[in-house]
Each structure stands twice: as C-alpha cells, then as structure tokens.
Amino acid sequence: MSAQDRYPVARPCLSDLEERYLVDAYRSGWISSQGPYLRKFEEQFAARCGATAAVATGNGTVAIHLVLAAAGIGPGDEVIVPALTYIATANAVTYCGARPVFVDVSPDTWCIDVEQVAASVGPRTRAVVAVDLYGHPADYPALRALCEQHGLLLVADAAESFGALLDGRPTGDLADATTFSFFGNKVITSGEGGCVTTSDSGLADRMRLLRNQGMDPRRRYFFPVVGFNYRLTNLAAALLCAQLERADEIISRREGVIATYERDLSNPPLLSPQPVGPGVRRAPWMASFLVGPAGTEGLRDELARTLDLLGVETRPFFVPIPHLPPYADAGGDHPVSADLAERGINLPTYAELSDVDLKIIVDRVRNALSGINYCR
C-alpha cells in the first residue's frame, strides 16, 4: 500500500499565508520570544475568546502549570481533575507539588462530572481543572457556581476545544482562566505552542511575570521571584496569526468532516458518535466514536487493527490517569472513564480531507466493521 493510500489521523492545515507570515518574521530578525506577531496574536486571540488578556506560552502543558503557579497553588494543596484526560492535566498539578484528585466523567458529555466534583471538595482543595474532552465544553455554569461557593479557582483545559461555544459564549470566556494547546494535531497549530486567556488582570500580570523567568518588567535582570522560561517565539506566533485569520474556514471544513462520518456511519450498530449537550457547539478536533455497547472489551482494538491494514490510522481514547503508573496510588472508582477508554476511537479528522477521501474512509470503516465477529 502506497503512502497516498493511507490516511493519517491528523494533519495541520497550512497555506501560503502561514508561509508568508513565517518568512516575514524570519526576515525581520524577531525569531525569539519578542516581536510584533506575539503582540498581535495575544491581542487577537483574547478578542476571539471574549477575554481581556491572553498570555502566550511554549505549549499547552506549561500553560496549565503557569495558571496554577500564578494562583499560588503548591505543596499540601489539592486540585480536582477528571480521570479521563491527557496526562498533562495531572502533571501540571504535580509540577506545583500539589495533589491531583481524580473524579469520573459524565456519560452524557464525557466531561468532568459536576456532582462528583462537589463530593470531592475538601479542606485542601484549591482549584478545579475541567477538560473539554474531544472538543466538548464542560458544564461551566454549574462548575462556576460550585467553585464560587467554595472559593476555588476554576481552570478550563481547552487544549481540544478552540472554536467551541457554550450557550453562545466561546471557549476562553467560561472559567477564571482557560488554557489552550497549539500542538500539530490541534484545530489551529504552530507545531508547539499554548496560551492562557483570562479576564483577571492580576492573574494575567502574575503569569507574565512567571513566564519570563520572574524578571521584573520595570527593572531588567532583577528577579523578585523564581519563574520559568515558558515563552512562545515570534516565529510560532506568526504561524498562529495566519491560522487565526483562517480559523473559521478550518473549523467549518473540520465540522463537515465530522458531520459526514456521523451521517454515513449512523447505520452500523457497533458505532455510536460523541454525545453533544444542549447549547453546545463542540470544537471539531476529532471525530470520536464508541465501539460496541457498554462493557464491551476488545472490539475497538480489533477495529483499529483492521483499519490500519486498510490504510486508515486511528487513535484510541486516553488511558484513565489513575490507571497510569505515576498516579496508580490515587485510588477511586471511575467506571465511566474506564469504559470510554476501552471503547473510544478517533477517526482521521483534518480540513484537507476531500469528499472523495471521506467516502473512501467511510467505506473502509464499513468494511472493517463487517468483518468483526460480534455476538452478545
């Protein structure tokens, strides 16, 4: 099978505009962590997200750490996070010396279960990090009310949900602070990169201080605190400025990809699409499906192996974090997370998939499903 016959699970959508901005930044000499594209990106991204400030970072993981560190979270503190997410969410808590407390996700949204968050708040709880899993916003109105009741910081991990809306409000304006990733497989990308949006000016100033090694902005080479080198380069910002200009086009095409899958794969009884809650416009990060009914084991992996032979790359859902060695002693019961992790699969999702490509992929998925021996 030739490379042309294979479909990767993700691919960035780049155009001449990204090349033009990147070359312009390169020729200007501003290739490091200062420059006009950085300022332009932060201003435009904050406006797009409905926030008053955006603080660009080197990647999405350090964006989460930066928020927590700026909020003063440290040893002895606890931060509630969902059991089903990419490990970076928990790692950022651990970087602070705090302890992540894992709760299960809701089967209706695949996002953090608000009732379980409420039951897990204790005297050491300082923050909640909600994750917009596979582009679907968490229940931020309920989470915000809960966090305000207990005096907790609410952080949205929106690494996967740029472009999502909840009751008409964009991701980036739903929590006290929101973190984004611009890794190569995200809706918009700079290869590596991240950002935090917030309307808390004090928190934004603290993040800017810590992002730049803790250097006093009014006194060069004077460092009142221990900070981090979490800066984004002007080259990466140039790419992001172009991606932002094309964001609506990219989002629209990716939405069309997912809609095609959900329409044309609605008949096979072994596939069920990602649920979408009321008032939600999810971000089209990945076309996410569950294989088989709840409690099924092995069907997802069989489908993935068959599709790989047919030239369609897939990716499984994340392994629940408490099932991973660094967090194996966390304890707790997370049956929904475990079930989703066992059955979840993501199909190729990128803007440059043509209608012909999608028909080929759908036919290959149908072919693969027809060969699965399923009896229950």
Protein backbone atom coordinates (compact mmCIF):
# COMPACT_ATOMS: atom_id res chain seq x y z
CA MET A 1 0.00 0.00 0.00
CA SER A 2 1.45 3.37 -1.02
CA ALA A 3 1.62 6.43 1.23
CA GLN A 4 -1.12 8.03 -0.89
CA ASP A 5 -3.48 5.21 0.09
CA ARG A 6 -3.07 5.87 3.79
CA TYR A 7 -4.95 8.44 5.83
CA PRO A 8 -3.29 9.81 8.99
CA VAL A 9 -5.46 10.59 11.98
CA ALA A 10 -4.41 14.26 11.91
CA ARG A 11 -2.66 16.74 9.65
CA PRO A 12 -2.17 20.51 10.01
CA CYS A 13 -3.95 22.81 7.58
CA LEU A 14 -1.29 25.21 6.28
CA SER A 15 -1.43 27.67 3.39
CA ASP A 16 0.63 30.33 1.67
CA LEU A 17 -0.47 32.80 4.34
CA GLU A 18 1.34 30.88 7.10
CA GLU A 19 4.46 30.72 4.94
CA ARG A 20 4.29 34.44 4.19
CA TYR A 21 3.94 35.45 7.85
CA LEU A 22 6.64 32.99 8.92
CA VAL A 23 9.11 34.27 6.34
CA ASP A 24 8.28 37.85 7.32
CA ALA A 25 9.04 37.09 10.98
CA TYR A 26 12.24 35.32 9.98
CA ARG A 27 13.45 38.19 7.81
CA SER A 28 12.63 40.75 10.49
CA GLY A 29 15.14 39.14 12.84
CA TRP A 30 12.49 38.77 15.55
CA ILE A 31 12.65 34.99 15.82
CA SER A 32 12.71 34.54 19.60
CA SER A 33 10.34 35.50 22.40
CA GLN A 34 9.65 39.11 21.41
CA GLY A 35 8.22 40.64 18.27
CA PRO A 36 5.15 42.13 16.62
CA TYR A 37 3.49 38.81 15.83
CA LEU A 38 3.49 37.88 19.51
CA ARG A 39 1.70 41.07 20.47
CA LYS A 40 -0.71 40.75 17.56
CA PHE A 41 -1.53 37.14 18.37
CA GLU A 42 -2.21 37.77 22.06
CA GLU A 43 -4.48 40.72 21.26
CA GLN A 44 -6.42 38.89 18.56
CA PHE A 45 -6.68 35.62 20.47
CA ALA A 46 -8.02 37.34 23.58
CA ALA A 47 -10.63 39.13 21.46
CA ARG A 48 -11.62 35.90 19.72
CA CYS A 49 -12.08 34.17 23.09
CA GLY A 50 -14.01 37.02 24.71
CA ALA A 51 -11.33 37.54 27.38
CA THR A 52 -9.45 40.70 28.30
CA ALA A 53 -5.98 39.10 28.29
CA ALA A 54 -4.09 36.31 26.58
CA VAL A 55 -0.69 35.07 27.74
CA ALA A 56 1.08 33.01 25.07
CA THR A 57 3.21 30.06 26.23
CA GLY A 58 5.55 27.47 24.79
CA ASN A 59 2.95 24.69 24.89
CA GLY A 60 -0.36 23.71 26.46
CA THR A 61 1.11 21.79 29.37
CA VAL A 62 3.08 24.73 30.71
CA ALA A 63 0.01 26.91 30.20
CA ILE A 64 -1.81 24.86 32.86
CA HIS A 65 1.20 24.91 35.17
CA LEU A 66 1.56 28.67 34.72
CA VAL A 67 -2.04 29.31 35.80
CA LEU A 68 -1.76 27.13 38.88
CA ALA A 69 1.63 28.56 39.86
CA ALA A 70 0.38 32.12 39.39
CA ALA A 71 -2.57 31.30 41.65
CA GLY A 72 -0.16 30.20 44.37
CA ILE A 73 -1.09 26.52 44.36
CA GLY A 74 1.63 24.41 45.94
CA PRO A 75 2.54 21.59 48.33
CA GLY A 76 -0.31 20.46 50.53
CA ASP A 77 -2.96 21.69 48.12
CA GLU A 78 -5.36 19.54 46.13
CA VAL A 79 -6.69 20.15 42.62
CA ILE A 80 -9.67 18.23 41.25
CA VAL A 81 -9.25 16.93 37.68
CA PRO A 82 -11.12 14.41 35.53
CA ALA A 83 -9.85 10.86 35.43
CA LEU A 84 -10.19 10.77 31.64
CA THR A 85 -7.86 13.30 30.05
CA TYR A 86 -4.36 13.58 28.63
CA ILE A 87 -1.76 13.16 31.35
CA ALA A 88 -0.56 16.77 31.02
CA THR A 89 -3.58 17.94 33.02
CA ALA A 90 -2.46 15.97 36.07
CA ASN A 91 1.24 16.52 35.50
CA ALA A 92 0.81 20.30 35.70
CA VAL A 93 -0.74 19.88 39.14
CA THR A 94 2.13 17.66 40.20
CA TYR A 95 4.69 20.21 38.98
CA CYS A 96 3.29 22.56 41.63
CA GLY A 97 3.80 20.00 44.36
CA ALA A 98 0.03 19.72 44.75
CA ARG A 99 -2.01 16.52 44.59
CA PRO A 100 -4.44 15.81 41.76
CA VAL A 101 -7.74 14.36 42.96
CA PHE A 102 -9.41 12.36 40.20
CA VAL A 103 -13.16 12.20 39.62
CA ASP A 104 -15.12 10.41 36.95
CA VAL A 105 -16.63 11.94 33.83
CA SER A 106 -20.26 12.12 32.81
CA PRO A 107 -21.51 9.63 30.19
CA ASP A 108 -23.64 12.43 28.71
CA THR A 109 -20.75 14.75 27.82
CA TRP A 110 -17.53 12.79 28.55
CA CYS A 111 -16.51 15.81 30.65
CA ILE A 112 -15.93 16.07 34.39
CA ASP A 113 -18.95 15.04 36.49
CA VAL A 114 -20.05 18.09 38.49
CA GLU A 115 -21.74 16.05 41.22
CA GLN A 116 -18.56 14.09 41.79
CA VAL A 117 -16.58 17.32 41.90
CA ALA A 118 -18.90 18.59 44.64
CA ALA A 119 -18.46 15.37 46.60
CA SER A 120 -14.65 15.60 46.32
CA VAL A 121 -14.17 19.15 47.63
CA GLY A 122 -12.24 19.06 50.88
CA PRO A 123 -10.33 21.40 53.18
CA ARG A 124 -7.21 21.24 50.98
CA THR A 125 -8.99 21.78 47.66
CA ARG A 126 -7.77 24.92 45.89
CA ALA A 127 -8.86 24.52 42.29
CA VAL A 128 -10.81 22.53 39.72
CA VAL A 129 -9.40 21.88 36.26
CA ALA A 130 -12.17 20.92 33.85
CA VAL A 131 -11.22 19.41 30.49
CA ASP A 132 -13.20 19.95 27.29
CA LEU A 133 -12.71 16.36 26.20
CA TYR A 134 -12.61 15.86 22.43
CA GLY A 135 -13.83 19.42 21.90
CA HIS A 136 -16.97 19.36 24.07
CA PRO A 137 -17.14 22.12 26.73
CA ALA A 138 -17.66 21.03 30.32
CA ASP A 139 -20.64 22.27 32.35
CA TYR A 140 -19.07 25.61 33.25
CA PRO A 141 -22.15 27.34 34.70
CA ALA A 142 -22.53 24.57 37.28
CA LEU A 143 -18.79 24.37 37.90
CA ARG A 144 -18.51 28.14 38.31
CA ALA A 145 -21.34 28.21 40.86
CA LEU A 146 -19.70 25.37 42.79
CA CYS A 147 -16.25 26.99 42.72
CA GLU A 148 -17.63 30.36 43.81
CA GLN A 149 -19.42 28.66 46.70
CA HIS A 150 -16.16 27.12 47.94
CA GLY A 151 -13.74 29.88 46.91
CA LEU A 152 -11.96 27.70 44.32
CA LEU A 153 -10.11 28.63 41.15
CA LEU A 154 -11.83 27.26 38.04
CA VAL A 155 -9.48 26.43 35.17
CA ALA A 156 -10.67 25.24 31.77
CA ASP A 157 -8.28 22.92 29.95
CA ALA A 158 -9.39 23.80 26.43
CA ALA A 159 -6.48 22.16 24.64
CA GLU A 160 -9.02 20.39 22.41
CA SER A 161 -11.85 22.92 22.22
CA PHE A 162 -10.73 26.03 20.36
CA GLY A 163 -13.80 27.14 18.40
CA ALA A 164 -16.35 25.62 20.77
CA LEU A 165 -19.33 27.58 22.09
CA LEU A 166 -21.48 27.07 25.18
CA ASP A 167 -24.76 28.96 25.07
CA GLY A 168 -23.16 31.27 22.52
CA ARG A 169 -20.08 32.04 24.62
CA PRO A 170 -16.70 30.99 23.25
CA THR A 171 -14.17 28.74 24.88
CA GLY A 172 -11.80 31.10 26.65
CA ASP A 173 -14.50 33.02 28.49
CA LEU A 174 -16.13 30.28 30.56
CA ALA A 175 -13.77 29.89 33.54
CA ASP A 176 -11.43 32.01 35.67
CA ALA A 177 -8.64 31.03 33.28
CA THR A 178 -8.56 28.89 30.15
CA THR A 179 -5.58 27.06 28.69
CA PHE A 180 -5.04 26.14 25.06
CA SER A 181 -2.66 23.94 23.10
CA PHE A 182 -1.46 24.56 19.55
CA PHE A 183 0.25 21.21 19.04
CA GLY A 184 0.40 19.95 15.47
CA ASN A 185 -2.86 17.97 15.67
CA LYS A 186 -5.00 20.77 17.11
CA VAL A 187 -7.65 22.82 15.26
CA ILE A 188 -5.15 25.67 14.86
CA THR A 189 -1.47 24.99 15.30
CA SER A 190 2.06 26.34 15.49
CA GLY A 191 3.61 22.89 15.88
CA GLU A 192 4.17 23.56 19.57
CA GLY A 193 2.56 26.39 21.48
CA GLY A 194 -0.01 27.31 24.05
CA CYS A 195 -1.91 30.19 25.61
CA VAL A 196 -3.89 31.21 28.68
CA THR A 197 -6.89 33.53 28.46
CA THR A 198 -8.37 35.31 31.46
CA SER A 199 -10.25 38.44 32.42
CA ASP A 200 -8.46 38.60 35.79
CA SER A 201 -5.84 41.31 35.23
CA GLY A 202 -3.93 40.43 38.40
CA LEU A 203 -3.66 36.79 37.40
CA ALA A 204 -2.55 37.80 33.89
CA ASP A 205 0.19 40.05 35.27
CA ARG A 206 1.42 37.30 37.58
CA MET A 207 1.53 34.83 34.69
CA ARG A 208 3.52 37.25 32.54
CA LEU A 209 6.00 37.69 35.38
CA LEU A 210 6.45 33.95 35.91
CA ARG A 211 6.55 33.21 32.18
CA ASN A 212 9.67 35.35 31.75
CA GLN A 213 11.90 33.74 34.42
CA GLY A 214 10.32 36.00 37.04
CA MET A 215 12.07 39.14 35.77
CA ASP A 216 10.68 42.45 36.99
CA PRO A 217 9.20 44.16 33.88
CA ARG A 218 10.37 47.54 35.20
CA ARG A 219 13.91 46.54 36.20
CA ARG A 220 15.89 44.47 33.75
CA TYR A 221 17.73 41.41 35.10
CA PHE A 222 16.15 41.85 38.51
CA PHE A 223 14.25 38.72 39.55
CA PRO A 224 11.98 39.10 42.59
CA VAL A 225 10.64 35.54 42.25
CA VAL A 226 11.64 32.18 40.80
CA GLY A 227 10.00 31.97 37.40
CA PHE A 228 10.00 29.80 34.30
CA ASN A 229 11.03 30.07 30.68
CA TYR A 230 7.55 29.44 29.28
CA ARG A 231 7.64 31.94 26.42
CA LEU A 232 6.36 31.48 22.86
CA THR A 233 8.53 32.54 19.92
CA ASN A 234 7.63 35.23 17.42
CA LEU A 235 8.02 32.61 14.67
CA ALA A 236 5.35 30.41 16.26
CA ALA A 237 3.14 33.46 16.80
CA ALA A 238 3.45 34.31 13.12
CA LEU A 239 2.03 30.90 12.25
CA LEU A 240 -0.77 31.39 14.77
CA CYS A 241 -1.70 34.81 13.41
CA ALA A 242 -2.22 33.24 10.00
CA GLN A 243 -4.13 30.31 11.50
CA LEU A 244 -6.40 32.71 13.36
CA GLU A 245 -7.22 34.54 10.13
CA ARG A 246 -8.19 31.20 8.58
CA ALA A 247 -9.79 29.72 11.72
CA ASP A 248 -13.41 29.95 10.55
CA GLU A 249 -12.52 28.24 7.29
CA ILE A 250 -10.59 25.48 9.07
CA ILE A 251 -13.32 24.94 11.66
CA SER A 252 -16.06 24.80 9.03
CA ARG A 253 -14.26 22.17 6.99
CA ARG A 254 -13.46 20.04 10.02
CA GLU A 255 -17.09 20.26 11.14
CA GLY A 256 -18.05 18.97 7.70
CA VAL A 257 -15.68 16.03 8.10
CA ILE A 258 -17.23 15.01 11.41
CA ALA A 259 -20.78 15.54 10.13
CA THR A 260 -20.05 13.26 7.18
CA TYR A 261 -18.78 10.49 9.42
CA GLU A 262 -21.74 10.79 11.77
CA ARG A 263 -24.21 10.74 8.88
CA ASP A 264 -22.63 7.98 6.82
CA LEU A 265 -21.69 5.78 9.76
CA SER A 266 -25.04 6.07 11.53
CA ASN A 267 -26.28 2.63 10.44
CA PRO A 268 -23.53 0.29 11.66
CA PRO A 269 -24.82 -0.82 15.09
CA LEU A 270 -21.33 -1.08 16.54
CA LEU A 271 -20.55 2.66 16.32
CA SER A 272 -22.03 5.48 18.39
CA PRO A 273 -20.92 9.13 17.99
CA GLN A 274 -19.83 11.60 20.63
CA PRO A 275 -22.85 12.95 22.53
CA VAL A 276 -23.41 16.70 22.35
CA GLY A 277 -25.17 18.52 25.17
CA PRO A 278 -27.81 21.26 24.80
CA GLY A 279 -26.48 24.69 23.94
CA VAL A 280 -23.14 23.24 22.85
CA ARG A 281 -21.27 23.81 19.63
CA ARG A 282 -18.33 21.45 20.10
CA ALA A 283 -14.96 22.13 18.56
CA PRO A 284 -14.24 19.81 15.63
CA TRP A 285 -10.98 18.43 16.99
CA MET A 286 -11.53 14.70 16.49
CA ALA A 287 -14.30 12.54 15.08
CA SER A 288 -14.88 10.45 18.19
CA PHE A 289 -16.93 7.27 18.40
CA LEU A 290 -17.58 4.42 20.81
CA VAL A 291 -17.28 0.87 19.50
CA GLY A 292 -19.81 -1.65 20.78
CA PRO A 293 -22.14 -1.39 23.78
CA ALA A 294 -21.02 -0.51 27.29
CA GLY A 295 -18.87 -3.16 28.89
CA THR A 296 -17.51 -4.43 25.58
CA GLU A 297 -13.84 -5.33 25.54
CA GLY A 298 -11.56 -5.79 22.55
CA LEU A 299 -13.83 -4.63 19.72
CA ARG A 300 -12.24 -1.18 19.47
CA ASP A 301 -8.75 -2.64 19.23
CA GLU A 302 -9.88 -5.16 16.61
CA LEU A 303 -11.41 -2.36 14.55
CA ALA A 304 -8.25 -0.26 14.87
CA ARG A 305 -6.01 -3.12 13.74
CA THR A 306 -8.21 -3.84 10.73
CA LEU A 307 -8.38 -0.18 9.73
CA ASP A 308 -4.62 0.11 9.98
CA LEU A 309 -4.29 -2.73 7.49
CA LEU A 310 -6.77 -0.89 5.26
CA GLY A 311 -4.74 2.33 5.41
CA VAL A 312 -6.79 4.30 7.94
CA GLU A 313 -4.91 5.49 11.02
CA THR A 314 -6.96 5.81 14.20
CA ARG A 315 -6.20 6.65 17.79
CA PRO A 316 -7.73 5.26 20.97
CA PHE A 317 -9.15 7.40 23.73
CA PHE A 318 -6.83 8.37 26.56
CA VAL A 319 -5.97 5.84 29.25
CA PRO A 320 -7.57 6.99 32.53
CA ILE A 321 -4.85 8.74 34.51
CA PRO A 322 -5.34 6.65 37.68
CA HIS A 323 -4.52 3.60 35.53
CA LEU A 324 -1.07 5.00 34.72
CA PRO A 325 1.99 4.16 36.88
CA PRO A 326 2.74 7.71 38.14
CA TYR A 327 -0.80 8.03 39.55
CA ALA A 328 -1.66 4.42 40.33
CA ASP A 329 -1.93 5.12 44.05
CA ALA A 330 -4.57 7.84 43.53
CA GLY A 331 -7.41 5.45 44.29
CA GLY A 332 -11.06 5.98 43.50
CA ASP A 333 -13.54 4.30 41.22
CA HIS A 334 -14.01 5.74 37.72
CA PRO A 335 -16.20 3.30 35.76
CA VAL A 336 -17.33 5.74 33.05
CA SER A 337 -13.76 6.78 32.29
CA ALA A 338 -12.67 3.13 32.16
CA ASP A 339 -15.50 2.21 29.78
CA LEU A 340 -14.91 5.14 27.44
CA ALA A 341 -11.18 4.40 27.37
CA GLU A 342 -11.89 0.79 26.44
CA ARG A 343 -14.32 1.59 23.61
CA GLY A 344 -13.33 5.03 22.28
CA ILE A 345 -11.79 5.55 18.84
CA ASN A 346 -10.93 8.64 16.80
CA LEU A 347 -11.06 8.67 13.01
CA PRO A 348 -8.96 10.85 10.67
CA THR A 349 -10.01 14.47 11.18
CA TYR A 350 -8.38 17.29 9.27
CA ALA A 351 -9.52 20.08 7.00
CA GLU A 352 -7.90 18.82 3.80
CA LEU A 353 -9.92 15.60 3.61
CA SER A 354 -11.94 15.83 0.41
CA ASP A 355 -15.38 14.36 -0.16
CA VAL A 356 -13.70 11.57 -2.13
CA ASP A 357 -11.30 10.90 0.75
CA LEU A 358 -14.18 10.74 3.19
CA LYS A 359 -16.09 8.28 1.04
CA ILE A 360 -13.03 6.03 0.89
CA ILE A 361 -12.54 6.18 4.66
CA VAL A 362 -16.24 5.53 5.35
CA ASP A 363 -16.19 2.54 3.01
CA ARG A 364 -13.10 1.17 4.76
CA VAL A 365 -14.70 1.61 8.18
CA ARG A 366 -17.83 -0.19 7.00
CA ASN A 367 -15.68 -2.95 5.55
CA ALA A 368 -13.74 -3.28 8.79
CA LEU A 369 -16.92 -3.37 10.87
CA SER A 370 -18.45 -6.05 8.68
CA GLY A 371 -15.55 -8.34 9.48
CA ILE A 372 -15.87 -8.04 13.26
CA ASN A 373 -17.33 -11.17 14.78
CA TYR A 374 -19.59 -9.81 17.47
CA CYS A 375 -22.00 -11.91 19.44
CA ARG A 376 -23.69 -10.84 22.66
